[in-house]
Amino acid sequence: MTMPPKTTNPRNSRLFTALAALLCLCLAQAGCSDQEPPASDTPQARYLPVTPERLVLTSELPGRVAALVTAEVRPQVDGIIQQRLFEEGAVVDKGQTLYQIDPAVYEAARNTAKAELEEAQVHAAAQQKREARVRVLARANAVSQQELDDVQAELGRARARVARARAALETAEINLDYTRIKAPVAGKIGRSAVTRGALVTANQTSPLAVIQQIDHVYVDITQPSANMLRLRRLAASLGPAWGKGASGARLILEDGTPYAASNATGAPDVAGATDSQNATNTAAPGGTPKTPDAAGEAEAAGAPDIPTAAAPYAAPNAPDPANAAGAEPHWITGDLLFAEISVAQSTGNVSLRALFPNPEGLLLPGMYARVLIEEGVIENALLVPQRAVMADSEGRHFVMTLQGPETPPSGKDATPVFTVQRKNVQLDRPHGNRWLVRSGLEAGDLVVIEGLQKAVPGGKAAGTLWQAGASAQVSAQPRADTQDSHNNQDGR
């Protein structure tokens, strides 16, 4: 029996063809993935080669400016103020009259003392003549020896009265001179605490005015005793180079600018300088004409350092003196002194003192400032951006580096592929927005700066060079997410 031919459904035929084509496409894609992964699956990373550089290590010590000499003006006699003979805030010379007390009472006392001296001198002269006559008579036995002794004793008392009267006259003249209250030192005088007509008393508690010498100033520093020991060892190691004028201590003002010759333009007059010196603004300490070269050596050390209990380090937000006003400043350098001989038991701190020249009067007592002290120079220092450094759960610091490239670029613009490697590092101190690395890295290592979230040790990453123009953006971005990511990866 012959069966009728089976007819094929055109719809089923088309469905079968579509499924076969889809299966071939999947197999082809799987074969391609075994040969070369898509570029989108390879993590992207930006790296920075580690380059040795010369690094100047400095400590930054906060402190307050204090006057070299402070003299409080007080009266030494009682009386009424007749005149104030100075301008508040002006420069005064030593011995210059500042106040005039009513001298009438003291002039009368001087006149009385002068009259008493004249009287004593006349009496002493008469006694001397009498003693001469009695002595002649005593030689002729015309008078007794007792009478001669009495006359000589009276002559001695007369001479003593002359000396006492002369001393009283000198005291009266001194008190009269004290009615002119004079400046004990040269310097700048502050405001007057009294006015004309005020009654003042000798050696009163409150001063009439205060004079301060600020041609040189101190910067008083309070530091932990451990820091002081480190600075003393530094001073001993530098030897004669730590001598006066050669210590190289520098100053950052409270507005963040370096204390340099360029900052002193238009500053107040020099305390104690002559009018011609203040007019030309060229007087330097010791009478040497002030030039930019004499004011201090030019420095371009980058951001200064801030001390910690363990070691000083560079301040991230401190100004770069080399970039101030577009030129290197001529630093005005000072000397580091060690003032205190004991450590405060309650705080463990000790007071240090730095001495700085202040020829332009820019530094004022009470001003906040920061002292920069050079500790040394590292010729081949290795520094990495702080963002590149992370810490694991055990507190170990590490960075991600790129090794290779293992896959050469297939085209002109292709990105090379590297192997990611973790390197543990020992850190010394921050310097600006970078870490000074003590060990763990070598010159030429490629440190990952961006793309840390997907950089896995032993994995692959397409690396490109980190451009210097992106440094400001990199330093401003947070690192907490990258640290958490790698802590999780290390635990796998």
Foldseek 3Di string as FASTA:
>chain_A
DDDDDDDDDPVVVVVVVVVVVVVVVVVVVVVVCVVDNDPVVFFAFAWAFWFFAKAFAKEKFKFFKAFPDKDFFAFAAWAFWADADDDAFDWDAAFAFGTAGPLPVLVVQLVVLVVQLVVLVVQLVVLVVVLVVVVVCVVVVNDDPVVSVVSVVVSVVSVVSNVVSVVSNVVSVVNSVSSRGGHNHTATKHDAPDHGGDIHHRPDDHGRIMGGAVQKIKTKGKDFVLVVVVVVVLCVVVPCCQDWPRQFKWKQFPVQATAFPVVLPPFAAHTPDDPVCRVVVQAHPPRDGDDRQVQAQFDQNAFAWYADPVGIGGDQPHGGCCPVVHHTGRTRGWHKAQPDDDADPVPNIGMTMIMTRDRSVPRDGGGMMMMMGTRGMDGTWTKDFPLQWAAAPVGWIKGKWWDDQPDDAPDDPGFGKTAIAIWTWDFDHYHHRITTTPDGDDRGTITTQPSLLPRAHRDMHRYDHDDPVCVVVSSPDDRVNSRVSVNVRVVD
